[in-house]
Amino acid sequence: MQKEAKILWTTDNKETAMNMVLLYAHNAKLKGWMQEVTVLVWGASQKLINEDKEIQEKVKAMIRDGVKVVACLKCADNMEITQGLNACNIDVFYTGELLTQWIQSGETIISV
């Protein structure tokens, strides 16, 4: 049985972010539904985090509560927002290999 929620977050839709990605990821960790929760932030979702204070606060709270949030450095550099993501305590690095490992693992990946 899978004990880690792996979430690939790419949308910049705030309603989806608030009512799916952030809500599920945070509760899955807080309520013990999953032992580990990792959110991979890629592309447009990075820009949403960088620009929206409410989203930033939700991301920071999740990280404080043990959700791993990582972001693609190449995307962040392309959009010139690396510093803003780092300020939210997001681990920003080249994530192509991480996503490849997720895919090759055969485990379920939630993609939003």
PDB file of N, CA and C in Angstrom:
ATOM      1  N   MET A   1       0.840  -1.180   0.000  1.00  0.00           N
ATOM      2  CA  MET A   1       0.000   0.000   0.000  1.00  0.00           C
ATOM      3  C   MET A   1       0.889   1.248   0.000  1.00  0.00           C
ATOM      4  N   GLN A   2       0.534   2.210  -0.826  1.00  0.00           N
ATOM      5  CA  GLN A   2       1.297   3.442  -0.943  1.00  0.00           C
ATOM      6  C   GLN A   2       1.132   4.292   0.308  1.00  0.00           C
ATOM      7  N   LYS A   3       2.264   4.763   0.849  1.00  0.00           N
ATOM      8  CA  LYS A   3       2.229   5.546   2.086  1.00  0.00           C
ATOM      9  C   LYS A   3       2.669   6.989   1.871  1.00  0.00           C
ATOM     10  N   GLU A   4       2.896   7.353   0.605  1.00  0.00           N
ATOM     11  CA  GLU A   4       3.276   8.725   0.294  1.00  0.00           C
ATOM     12  C   GLU A   4       2.355   9.268  -0.781  1.00  0.00           C
ATOM     13  N   ALA A   5       1.808  10.449  -0.531  1.00  0.00           N
ATOM     14  CA  ALA A   5       1.046  11.158  -1.555  1.00  0.00           C
ATOM     15  C   ALA A   5       2.041  11.987  -2.357  1.00  0.00           C
ATOM     16  N   LYS A   6       2.065  11.745  -3.653  1.00  0.00           N
ATOM     17  CA  LYS A   6       2.926  12.495  -4.569  1.00  0.00           C
ATOM     18  C   LYS A   6       2.019  13.339  -5.445  1.00  0.00           C
ATOM     19  N   ILE A   7       2.149  14.645  -5.307  1.00  0.00           N
ATOM     20  CA  ILE A   7       1.260  15.567  -6.011  1.00  0.00           C
ATOM     21  C   ILE A   7       2.085  16.465  -6.929  1.00  0.00           C
ATOM     22  N   LEU A   8       1.763  16.428  -8.216  1.00  0.00           N
ATOM     23  CA  LEU A   8       2.374  17.313  -9.203  1.00  0.00           C
ATOM     24  C   LEU A   8       1.404  18.458  -9.443  1.00  0.00           C
ATOM     25  N   TRP A   9       1.769  19.654  -9.014  1.00  0.00           N
ATOM     26  CA  TRP A   9       0.900  20.836  -9.084  1.00  0.00           C
ATOM     27  C   TRP A   9       1.424  21.756 -10.169  1.00  0.00           C
ATOM     28  N   THR A  10       0.645  21.903 -11.248  1.00  0.00           N
ATOM     29  CA  THR A  10       1.069  22.747 -12.364  1.00  0.00           C
ATOM     30  C   THR A  10       0.089  23.873 -12.686  1.00  0.00           C
ATOM     31  N   THR A  11      -1.132  23.797 -12.183  1.00  0.00           N
ATOM     32  CA  THR A  11      -2.137  24.792 -12.550  1.00  0.00           C
ATOM     33  C   THR A  11      -1.974  26.094 -11.776  1.00  0.00           C
ATOM     34  N   ASP A  12      -2.332  27.174 -12.440  1.00  0.00           N
ATOM     35  CA  ASP A  12      -2.350  28.467 -11.755  1.00  0.00           C
ATOM     36  C   ASP A  12      -3.762  28.854 -11.335  1.00  0.00           C
ATOM     37  N   ASN A  13      -4.686  27.912 -11.385  1.00  0.00           N
ATOM     38  CA  ASN A  13      -6.067  28.160 -10.982  1.00  0.00           C
ATOM     39  C   ASN A  13      -6.137  28.193  -9.454  1.00  0.00           C
ATOM     40  N   LYS A  14      -6.458  29.353  -8.908  1.00  0.00           N
ATOM     41  CA  LYS A  14      -6.448  29.519  -7.452  1.00  0.00           C
ATOM     42  C   LYS A  14      -7.487  28.633  -6.771  1.00  0.00           C
ATOM     43  N   GLU A  15      -8.686  28.514  -7.342  1.00  0.00           N
ATOM     44  CA  GLU A  15      -9.731  27.693  -6.728  1.00  0.00           C
ATOM     45  C   GLU A  15      -9.291  26.237  -6.630  1.00  0.00           C
ATOM     46  N   THR A  16      -8.669  25.733  -7.669  1.00  0.00           N
ATOM     47  CA  THR A  16      -8.174  24.360  -7.643  1.00  0.00           C
ATOM     48  C   THR A  16      -7.046  24.227  -6.627  1.00  0.00           C
ATOM     49  N   ALA A  17      -6.182  25.216  -6.578  1.00  0.00           N
ATOM     50  CA  ALA A  17      -5.077  25.184  -5.610  1.00  0.00           C
ATOM     51  C   ALA A  17      -5.617  25.146  -4.182  1.00  0.00           C
ATOM     52  N   MET A  18      -6.547  26.031  -3.880  1.00  0.00           N
ATOM     53  CA  MET A  18      -7.074  26.138  -2.516  1.00  0.00           C
ATOM     54  C   MET A  18      -7.936  24.933  -2.125  1.00  0.00           C
ATOM     55  N   ASN A  19      -8.767  24.472  -3.051  1.00  0.00           N
ATOM     56  CA  ASN A  19      -9.769  23.468  -2.727  1.00  0.00           C
ATOM     57  C   ASN A  19      -9.399  22.048  -3.108  1.00  0.00           C
ATOM     58  N   MET A  20      -8.216  21.855  -3.675  1.00  0.00           N
ATOM     59  CA  MET A  20      -7.750  20.495  -3.932  1.00  0.00           C
ATOM     60  C   MET A  20      -6.325  20.340  -3.428  1.00  0.00           C
ATOM     61  N   VAL A  21      -5.377  20.960  -4.126  1.00  0.00           N
ATOM     62  CA  VAL A  21      -3.962  20.734  -3.827  1.00  0.00           C
ATOM     63  C   VAL A  21      -3.643  21.046  -2.369  1.00  0.00           C
ATOM     64  N   LEU A  22      -3.883  22.272  -1.949  1.00  0.00           N
ATOM     65  CA  LEU A  22      -3.495  22.688  -0.603  1.00  0.00           C
ATOM     66  C   LEU A  22      -4.354  22.025   0.461  1.00  0.00           C
ATOM     67  N   LEU A  23      -5.622  21.893   0.202  1.00  0.00           N
ATOM     68  CA  LEU A  23      -6.535  21.277   1.161  1.00  0.00           C
ATOM     69  C   LEU A  23      -6.192  19.801   1.370  1.00  0.00           C
ATOM     70  N   TYR A  24      -6.074  19.055   0.285  1.00  0.00           N
ATOM     71  CA  TYR A  24      -5.799  17.624   0.421  1.00  0.00           C
ATOM     72  C   TYR A  24      -4.394  17.372   0.979  1.00  0.00           C
ATOM     73  N   ALA A  25      -3.400  18.028   0.419  1.00  0.00           N
ATOM     74  CA  ALA A  25      -2.021  17.785   0.859  1.00  0.00           C
ATOM     75  C   ALA A  25      -1.872  18.042   2.351  1.00  0.00           C
ATOM     76  N   HIS A  26      -2.413  19.151   2.817  1.00  0.00           N
ATOM     77  CA  HIS A  26      -2.276  19.513   4.226  1.00  0.00           C
ATOM     78  C   HIS A  26      -3.022  18.512   5.114  1.00  0.00           C
ATOM     79  N   ASN A  27      -4.256  18.207   4.771  1.00  0.00           N
ATOM     80  CA  ASN A  27      -5.041  17.278   5.584  1.00  0.00           C
ATOM     81  C   ASN A  27      -4.488  15.857   5.543  1.00  0.00           C
ATOM     82  N   ALA A  28      -3.963  15.439   4.405  1.00  0.00           N
ATOM     83  CA  ALA A  28      -3.394  14.089   4.314  1.00  0.00           C
ATOM     84  C   ALA A  28      -2.256  13.918   5.316  1.00  0.00           C
ATOM     85  N   LYS A  29      -1.472  14.962   5.511  1.00  0.00           N
ATOM     86  CA  LYS A  29      -0.376  14.914   6.479  1.00  0.00           C
ATOM     87  C   LYS A  29      -0.900  15.082   7.910  1.00  0.00           C
ATOM     88  N   LEU A  30      -1.709  16.119   8.133  1.00  0.00           N
ATOM     89  CA  LEU A  30      -2.200  16.403   9.484  1.00  0.00           C
ATOM     90  C   LEU A  30      -3.023  15.264  10.068  1.00  0.00           C
ATOM     91  N   LYS A  31      -3.851  14.657   9.258  1.00  0.00           N
ATOM     92  CA  LYS A  31      -4.768  13.625   9.741  1.00  0.00           C
ATOM     93  C   LYS A  31      -4.192  12.216   9.634  1.00  0.00           C
ATOM     94  N   GLY A  32      -2.947  12.114   9.140  1.00  0.00           N
ATOM     95  CA  GLY A  32      -2.288  10.818   9.074  1.00  0.00           C
ATOM     96  C   GLY A  32      -2.800   9.895   7.984  1.00  0.00           C
ATOM     97  N   TRP A  33      -3.478  10.450   6.984  1.00  0.00           N
ATOM     98  CA  TRP A  33      -3.945   9.611   5.886  1.00  0.00           C
ATOM     99  C   TRP A  33      -2.762   9.044   5.112  1.00  0.00           C
ATOM    100  N   MET A  34      -1.692   9.820   5.046  1.00  0.00           N
ATOM    101  CA  MET A  34      -0.452   9.416   4.389  1.00  0.00           C
ATOM    102  C   MET A  34       0.702   9.729   5.340  1.00  0.00           C
ATOM    103  N   GLN A  35       1.714   8.857   5.341  1.00  0.00           N
ATOM    104  CA  GLN A  35       2.882   9.109   6.187  1.00  0.00           C
ATOM    105  C   GLN A  35       3.686  10.290   5.660  1.00  0.00           C
ATOM    106  N   GLU A  36       3.831  10.357   4.345  1.00  0.00           N
ATOM    107  CA  GLU A  36       4.582  11.433   3.704  1.00  0.00           C
ATOM    108  C   GLU A  36       3.711  12.071   2.631  1.00  0.00           C
ATOM    109  N   VAL A  37       3.849  13.369   2.485  1.00  0.00           N
ATOM    110  CA  VAL A  37       3.163  14.094   1.426  1.00  0.00           C
ATOM    111  C   VAL A  37       4.188  15.012   0.771  1.00  0.00           C
ATOM    112  N   THR A  38       4.341  14.858  -0.539  1.00  0.00           N
ATOM    113  CA  THR A  38       5.258  15.700  -1.295  1.00  0.00           C
ATOM    114  C   THR A  38       4.496  16.371  -2.419  1.00  0.00           C
ATOM    115  N   VAL A  39       4.647  17.684  -2.499  1.00  0.00           N
ATOM    116  CA  VAL A  39       4.033  18.462  -3.571  1.00  0.00           C
ATOM    117  C   VAL A  39       5.162  19.013  -4.442  1.00  0.00           C
ATOM    118  N   LEU A  40       5.137  18.646  -5.716  1.00  0.00           N
ATOM    119  CA  LEU A  40       6.091  19.156  -6.697  1.00  0.00           C
ATOM    120  C   LEU A  40       5.409  20.288  -7.445  1.00  0.00           C
ATOM    121  N   VAL A  41       5.912  21.495  -7.247  1.00  0.00           N
ATOM    122  CA  VAL A  41       5.346  22.698  -7.852  1.00  0.00           C
ATOM    123  C   VAL A  41       6.119  22.981  -9.134  1.00  0.00           C
ATOM    124  N   TRP A  42       5.366  23.052 -10.247  1.00  0.00           N
ATOM    125  CA  TRP A  42       6.036  23.160 -11.538  1.00  0.00           C
ATOM    126  C   TRP A  42       5.254  24.117 -12.442  1.00  0.00           C
ATOM    127  N   GLY A  43       5.949  25.055 -13.030  1.00  0.00           N
ATOM    128  CA  GLY A  43       5.337  25.927 -14.030  1.00  0.00           C
ATOM    129  C   GLY A  43       4.438  26.994 -13.442  1.00  0.00           C
ATOM    130  N   ALA A  44       3.218  27.080 -14.003  1.00  0.00           N
ATOM    131  CA  ALA A  44       2.296  28.168 -13.666  1.00  0.00           C
ATOM    132  C   ALA A  44       1.959  28.235 -12.179  1.00  0.00           C
ATOM    133  N   SER A  45       1.959  27.097 -11.503  1.00  0.00           N
ATOM    134  CA  SER A  45       1.660  27.094 -10.066  1.00  0.00           C
ATOM    135  C   SER A  45       2.721  27.867  -9.287  1.00  0.00           C
ATOM    136  N   GLN A  46       3.940  27.860  -9.782  1.00  0.00           N
ATOM    137  CA  GLN A  46       5.003  28.618  -9.124  1.00  0.00           C
ATOM    138  C   GLN A  46       4.707  30.116  -9.172  1.00  0.00           C
ATOM    139  N   LYS A  47       4.238  30.557 -10.316  1.00  0.00           N
ATOM    140  CA  LYS A  47       3.900  31.976 -10.469  1.00  0.00           C
ATOM    141  C   LYS A  47       2.745  32.349  -9.540  1.00  0.00           C
ATOM    142  N   LEU A  48       1.748  31.464  -9.419  1.00  0.00           N
ATOM    143  CA  LEU A  48       0.629  31.709  -8.508  1.00  0.00           C
ATOM    144  C   LEU A  48       1.129  31.877  -7.080  1.00  0.00           C
ATOM    145  N   ILE A  49       1.989  30.986  -6.645  1.00  0.00           N
ATOM    146  CA  ILE A  49       2.538  31.092  -5.287  1.00  0.00           C
ATOM    147  C   ILE A  49       3.270  32.417  -5.115  1.00  0.00           C
ATOM    148  N   ASN A  50       4.092  32.754  -6.066  1.00  0.00           N
ATOM    149  CA  ASN A  50       4.903  33.966  -5.977  1.00  0.00           C
ATOM    150  C   ASN A  50       4.052  35.228  -5.893  1.00  0.00           C
ATOM    151  N   GLU A  51       2.878  35.223  -6.535  1.00  0.00           N
ATOM    152  CA  GLU A  51       2.074  36.434  -6.649  1.00  0.00           C
ATOM    153  C   GLU A  51       0.927  36.531  -5.638  1.00  0.00           C
ATOM    154  N   ASP A  52       0.567  35.441  -4.985  1.00  0.00           N
ATOM    155  CA  ASP A  52      -0.640  35.433  -4.156  1.00  0.00           C
ATOM    156  C   ASP A  52      -0.298  35.207  -2.685  1.00  0.00           C
ATOM    157  N   LYS A  53      -0.514  36.207  -1.861  1.00  0.00           N
ATOM    158  CA  LYS A  53      -0.157  36.139  -0.432  1.00  0.00           C
ATOM    159  C   LYS A  53      -0.935  35.060   0.309  1.00  0.00           C
ATOM    160  N   GLU A  54      -2.201  34.873  -0.019  1.00  0.00           N
ATOM    161  CA  GLU A  54      -3.001  33.851   0.652  1.00  0.00           C
ATOM    162  C   GLU A  54      -2.447  32.452   0.354  1.00  0.00           C
ATOM    163  N   ILE A  55      -2.095  32.215  -0.889  1.00  0.00           N
ATOM    164  CA  ILE A  55      -1.497  30.934  -1.274  1.00  0.00           C
ATOM    165  C   ILE A  55      -0.161  30.759  -0.559  1.00  0.00           C
ATOM    166  N   GLN A  56       0.639  31.811  -0.497  1.00  0.00           N
ATOM    167  CA  GLN A  56       1.933  31.746   0.189  1.00  0.00           C
ATOM    168  C   GLN A  56       1.763  31.301   1.630  1.00  0.00           C
ATOM    169  N   GLU A  57       0.797  31.871   2.321  1.00  0.00           N
ATOM    170  CA  GLU A  57       0.571  31.519   3.731  1.00  0.00           C
ATOM    171  C   GLU A  57       0.140  30.065   3.879  1.00  0.00           C
ATOM    172  N   LYS A  58      -0.695  29.587   2.974  1.00  0.00           N
ATOM    173  CA  LYS A  58      -1.126  28.178   3.013  1.00  0.00           C
ATOM    174  C   LYS A  58       0.056  27.252   2.778  1.00  0.00           C
ATOM    175  N   VAL A  59       0.914  27.589   1.828  1.00  0.00           N
ATOM    176  CA  VAL A  59       2.090  26.769   1.541  1.00  0.00           C
ATOM    177  C   VAL A  59       3.022  26.744   2.753  1.00  0.00           C
ATOM    178  N   LYS A  60       3.276  27.886   3.346  1.00  0.00           N
ATOM    179  CA  LYS A  60       4.143  27.954   4.529  1.00  0.00           C
ATOM    180  C   LYS A  60       3.583  27.114   5.672  1.00  0.00           C
ATOM    181  N   ALA A  61       2.271  27.164   5.876  1.00  0.00           N
ATOM    182  CA  ALA A  61       1.645  26.377   6.944  1.00  0.00           C
ATOM    183  C   ALA A  61       1.808  24.884   6.684  1.00  0.00           C
ATOM    184  N   MET A  62       1.621  24.472   5.443  1.00  0.00           N
ATOM    185  CA  MET A  62       1.794  23.051   5.106  1.00  0.00           C
ATOM    186  C   MET A  62       3.221  22.604   5.403  1.00  0.00           C
ATOM    187  N   ILE A  63       4.174  23.413   5.003  1.00  0.00           N
ATOM    188  CA  ILE A  63       5.585  23.068   5.214  1.00  0.00           C
ATOM    189  C   ILE A  63       5.870  22.966   6.711  1.00  0.00           C
ATOM    190  N   ARG A  64       5.369  23.910   7.495  1.00  0.00           N
ATOM    191  CA  ARG A  64       5.552  23.859   8.956  1.00  0.00           C
ATOM    192  C   ARG A  64       4.991  22.569   9.537  1.00  0.00           C
ATOM    193  N   ASP A  65       3.912  22.068   8.945  1.00  0.00           N
ATOM    194  CA  ASP A  65       3.255  20.866   9.449  1.00  0.00           C
ATOM    195  C   ASP A  65       3.796  19.567   8.837  1.00  0.00           C
ATOM    196  N   GLY A  66       4.881  19.668   8.052  1.00  0.00           N
ATOM    197  CA  GLY A  66       5.549  18.461   7.587  1.00  0.00           C
ATOM    198  C   GLY A  66       5.336  18.045   6.146  1.00  0.00           C
ATOM    199  N   VAL A  67       4.570  18.822   5.382  1.00  0.00           N
ATOM    200  CA  VAL A  67       4.423  18.531   3.961  1.00  0.00           C
ATOM    201  C   VAL A  67       5.691  19.004   3.255  1.00  0.00           C
ATOM    202  N   LYS A  68       6.257  18.143   2.411  1.00  0.00           N
ATOM    203  CA  LYS A  68       7.415  18.540   1.614  1.00  0.00           C
ATOM    204  C   LYS A  68       6.907  19.263   0.379  1.00  0.00           C
ATOM    205  N   VAL A  69       7.408  20.462   0.154  1.00  0.00           N
ATOM    206  CA  VAL A  69       7.052  21.221  -1.041  1.00  0.00           C
ATOM    207  C   VAL A  69       8.350  21.557  -1.757  1.00  0.00           C
ATOM    208  N   VAL A  70       8.435  21.114  -3.003  1.00  0.00           N
ATOM    209  CA  VAL A  70       9.615  21.340  -3.817  1.00  0.00           C
ATOM    210  C   VAL A  70       9.186  21.986  -5.130  1.00  0.00           C
ATOM    211  N   ALA A  71      10.088  22.740  -5.739  1.00  0.00           N
ATOM    212  CA  ALA A  71       9.756  23.436  -6.978  1.00  0.00           C
ATOM    213  C   ALA A  71      10.898  23.321  -7.973  1.00  0.00           C
ATOM    214  N   CYS A  72      10.533  23.408  -9.234  1.00  0.00           N
ATOM    215  CA  CYS A  72      11.492  23.317 -10.331  1.00  0.00           C
ATOM    216  C   CYS A  72      12.319  24.604 -10.439  1.00  0.00           C
ATOM    217  N   LEU A  73      13.623  24.471 -10.290  1.00  0.00           N
ATOM    218  CA  LEU A  73      14.523  25.622 -10.370  1.00  0.00           C
ATOM    219  C   LEU A  73      14.546  26.221 -11.770  1.00  0.00           C
ATOM    220  N   LYS A  74      14.538  25.392 -12.799  1.00  0.00           N
ATOM    221  CA  LYS A  74      14.583  25.903 -14.171  1.00  0.00           C
ATOM    222  C   LYS A  74      13.374  26.785 -14.450  1.00  0.00           C
ATOM    223  N   CYS A  75      12.180  26.308 -14.062  1.00  0.00           N
ATOM    224  CA  CYS A  75      10.964  27.110 -14.253  1.00  0.00           C
ATOM    225  C   CYS A  75      11.052  28.412 -13.463  1.00  0.00           C
ATOM    226  N   ALA A  76      11.471  28.304 -12.212  1.00  0.00           N
ATOM    227  CA  ALA A  76      11.565  29.488 -11.349  1.00  0.00           C
ATOM    228  C   ALA A  76      12.544  30.501 -11.923  1.00  0.00           C
ATOM    229  N   ASP A  77      13.678  30.027 -12.393  1.00  0.00           N
ATOM    230  CA  ASP A  77      14.651  30.935 -13.003  1.00  0.00           C
ATOM    231  C   ASP A  77      14.091  31.568 -14.272  1.00  0.00           C
ATOM    232  N   ASN A  78      13.402  30.768 -15.081  1.00  0.00           N
ATOM    233  CA  ASN A  78      12.805  31.305 -16.314  1.00  0.00           C
ATOM    234  C   ASN A  78      11.826  32.437 -16.015  1.00  0.00           C
ATOM    235  N   MET A  79      11.091  32.317 -14.918  1.00  0.00           N
ATOM    236  CA  MET A  79      10.099  33.335 -14.547  1.00  0.00           C
ATOM    237  C   MET A  79      10.654  34.376 -13.578  1.00  0.00           C
ATOM    238  N   GLU A  80      11.919  34.208 -13.210  1.00  0.00           N
ATOM    239  CA  GLU A  80      12.603  35.133 -12.298  1.00  0.00           C
ATOM    240  C   GLU A  80      11.891  35.243 -10.949  1.00  0.00           C
ATOM    241  N   ILE A  81      11.524  34.069 -10.385  1.00  0.00           N
ATOM    242  CA  ILE A  81      10.801  34.046  -9.110  1.00  0.00           C
ATOM    243  C   ILE A  81      11.449  33.119  -8.080  1.00  0.00           C
ATOM    244  N   THR A  82      12.664  32.692  -8.334  1.00  0.00           N
ATOM    245  CA  THR A  82      13.341  31.752  -7.432  1.00  0.00           C
ATOM    246  C   THR A  82      13.397  32.303  -6.009  1.00  0.00           C
ATOM    247  N   GLN A  83      13.759  33.551  -5.872  1.00  0.00           N
ATOM    248  CA  GLN A  83      13.885  34.165  -4.547  1.00  0.00           C
ATOM    249  C   GLN A  83      12.539  34.175  -3.813  1.00  0.00           C
ATOM    250  N   GLY A  84      11.464  34.461  -4.532  1.00  0.00           N
ATOM    251  CA  GLY A  84      10.134  34.476  -3.917  1.00  0.00           C
ATOM    252  C   GLY A  84       9.718  33.106  -3.410  1.00  0.00           C
ATOM    253  N   LEU A  85      10.048  32.053  -4.167  1.00  0.00           N
ATOM    254  CA  LEU A  85       9.722  30.692  -3.736  1.00  0.00           C
ATOM    255  C   LEU A  85      10.566  30.297  -2.529  1.00  0.00           C
ATOM    256  N   ASN A  86      11.841  30.657  -2.554  1.00  0.00           N
ATOM    257  CA  ASN A  86      12.707  30.383  -1.409  1.00  0.00           C
ATOM    258  C   ASN A  86      12.185  31.075  -0.155  1.00  0.00           C
ATOM    259  N   ALA A  87      11.621  32.267  -0.303  1.00  0.00           N
ATOM    260  CA  ALA A  87      11.081  33.007   0.839  1.00  0.00           C
ATOM    261  C   ALA A  87       9.886  32.287   1.470  1.00  0.00           C
ATOM    262  N   CYS A  88       9.260  31.394   0.711  1.00  0.00           N
ATOM    263  CA  CYS A  88       8.135  30.600   1.233  1.00  0.00           C
ATOM    264  C   CYS A  88       8.608  29.275   1.823  1.00  0.00           C
ATOM    265  N   ASN A  89       9.920  29.107   1.932  1.00  0.00           N
ATOM    266  CA  ASN A  89      10.534  27.889   2.471  1.00  0.00           C
ATOM    267  C   ASN A  89      10.374  26.676   1.557  1.00  0.00           C
ATOM    268  N   ILE A  90      10.138  26.926   0.278  1.00  0.00           N
ATOM    269  CA  ILE A  90      10.051  25.858  -0.709  1.00  0.00           C
ATOM    270  C   ILE A  90      11.459  25.473  -1.117  1.00  0.00           C
ATOM    271  N   ASP A  91      11.697  24.168  -1.217  1.00  0.00           N
ATOM    272  CA  ASP A  91      12.989  23.647  -1.655  1.00  0.00           C
ATOM    273  C   ASP A  91      13.012  23.713  -3.182  1.00  0.00           C
ATOM    274  N   VAL A  92      13.808  24.619  -3.739  1.00  0.00           N
ATOM    275  CA  VAL A  92      13.844  24.857  -5.178  1.00  0.00           C
ATOM    276  C   VAL A  92      15.122  24.235  -5.752  1.00  0.00           C
ATOM    277  N   PHE A  93      14.936  23.284  -6.670  1.00  0.00           N
ATOM    278  CA  PHE A  93      16.068  22.612  -7.318  1.00  0.00           C
ATOM    279  C   PHE A  93      15.607  22.042  -8.652  1.00  0.00           C
ATOM    280  N   TYR A  94      16.549  21.542  -9.453  1.00  0.00           N
ATOM    281  CA  TYR A  94      16.184  20.928 -10.734  1.00  0.00           C
ATOM    282  C   TYR A  94      15.438  19.631 -10.444  1.00  0.00           C
ATOM    283  N   THR A  95      14.180  19.550 -10.867  1.00  0.00           N
ATOM    284  CA  THR A  95      13.302  18.468 -10.438  1.00  0.00           C
ATOM    285  C   THR A  95      12.973  17.449 -11.528  1.00  0.00           C
ATOM    286  N   GLY A  96      13.599  17.564 -12.678  1.00  0.00           N
ATOM    287  CA  GLY A  96      13.332  16.602 -13.748  1.00  0.00           C
ATOM    288  C   GLY A  96      13.613  15.169 -13.328  1.00  0.00           C
ATOM    289  N   GLU A  97      14.722  14.951 -12.641  1.00  0.00           N
ATOM    290  CA  GLU A  97      15.061  13.596 -12.186  1.00  0.00           C
ATOM    291  C   GLU A  97      14.058  13.102 -11.143  1.00  0.00           C
ATOM    292  N   LEU A  98      13.623  13.996 -10.252  1.00  0.00           N
ATOM    293  CA  LEU A  98      12.642  13.610  -9.235  1.00  0.00           C
ATOM    294  C   LEU A  98      11.354  13.136  -9.898  1.00  0.00           C
ATOM    295  N   LEU A  99      10.845  13.910 -10.847  1.00  0.00           N
ATOM    296  CA  LEU A  99       9.617  13.512 -11.526  1.00  0.00           C
ATOM    297  C   LEU A  99       9.814  12.199 -12.278  1.00  0.00           C
ATOM    298  N   THR A 100      10.964  12.028 -12.893  1.00  0.00           N
ATOM    299  CA  THR A 100      11.264  10.779 -13.594  1.00  0.00           C
ATOM    300  C   THR A 100      11.243   9.603 -12.622  1.00  0.00           C
ATOM    301  N   GLN A 101      11.821   9.772 -11.449  1.00  0.00           N
ATOM    302  CA  GLN A 101      11.805   8.707 -10.431  1.00  0.00           C
ATOM    303  C   GLN A 101      10.381   8.381 -10.016  1.00  0.00           C
ATOM    304  N   TRP A 102       9.566   9.415  -9.840  1.00  0.00           N
ATOM    305  CA  TRP A 102       8.166   9.186  -9.490  1.00  0.00           C
ATOM    306  C   TRP A 102       7.482   8.341 -10.553  1.00  0.00           C
ATOM    307  N   ILE A 103       7.660   8.713 -11.806  1.00  0.00           N
ATOM    308  CA  ILE A 103       7.021   7.992 -12.905  1.00  0.00           C
ATOM    309  C   ILE A 103       7.509   6.555 -12.952  1.00  0.00           C
ATOM    310  N   GLN A 104       8.820   6.376 -12.841  1.00  0.00           N
ATOM    311  CA  GLN A 104       9.397   5.032 -12.928  1.00  0.00           C
ATOM    312  C   GLN A 104       9.029   4.158 -11.737  1.00  0.00           C
ATOM    313  N   SER A 105       8.662   4.755 -10.628  1.00  0.00           N
ATOM    314  CA  SER A 105       8.303   3.972  -9.443  1.00  0.00           C
ATOM    315  C   SER A 105       7.004   3.202  -9.642  1.00  0.00           C
ATOM    316  N   GLY A 106       6.173   3.674 -10.546  1.00  0.00           N
ATOM    317  CA  GLY A 106       4.897   3.032 -10.773  1.00  0.00           C
ATOM    318  C   GLY A 106       3.844   3.388  -9.743  1.00  0.00           C
ATOM    319  N   GLU A 107       4.203   4.209  -8.760  1.00  0.00           N
ATOM    320  CA  GLU A 107       3.237   4.619  -7.757  1.00  0.00           C
ATOM    321  C   GLU A 107       2.310   5.694  -8.328  1.00  0.00           C
ATOM    322  N   THR A 108       1.212   5.894  -7.670  1.00  0.00           N
ATOM    323  CA  THR A 108       0.237   6.879  -8.118  1.00  0.00           C
ATOM    324  C   THR A 108       0.773   8.288  -7.911  1.00  0.00           C
ATOM    325  N   ILE A 109       0.578   9.119  -8.930  1.00  0.00           N
ATOM    326  CA  ILE A 109       0.922  10.541  -8.859  1.00  0.00           C
ATOM    327  C   ILE A 109      -0.366  11.316  -9.119  1.00  0.00           C
ATOM    328  N   ILE A 110      -0.706  12.199  -8.198  1.00  0.00           N
ATOM    329  CA  ILE A 110      -1.856  13.079  -8.408  1.00  0.00           C
ATOM    330  C   ILE A 110      -1.342  14.276  -9.182  1.00  0.00           C
ATOM    331  N   SER A 111      -1.945  14.542 -10.318  1.00  0.00           N
ATOM    332  CA  SER A 111      -1.500  15.644 -11.166  1.00  0.00           C
ATOM    333  C   SER A 111      -2.618  16.665 -11.302  1.00  0.00           C
ATOM    334  N   VAL A 112      -2.322  17.895 -10.901  1.00  0.00           N
ATOM    335  CA  VAL A 112      -3.325  18.957 -10.921  1.00  0.00           C
ATOM    336  C   VAL A 112      -2.751  20.169 -11.618  1.00  0.00           C
TER     337      VAL A 112
END
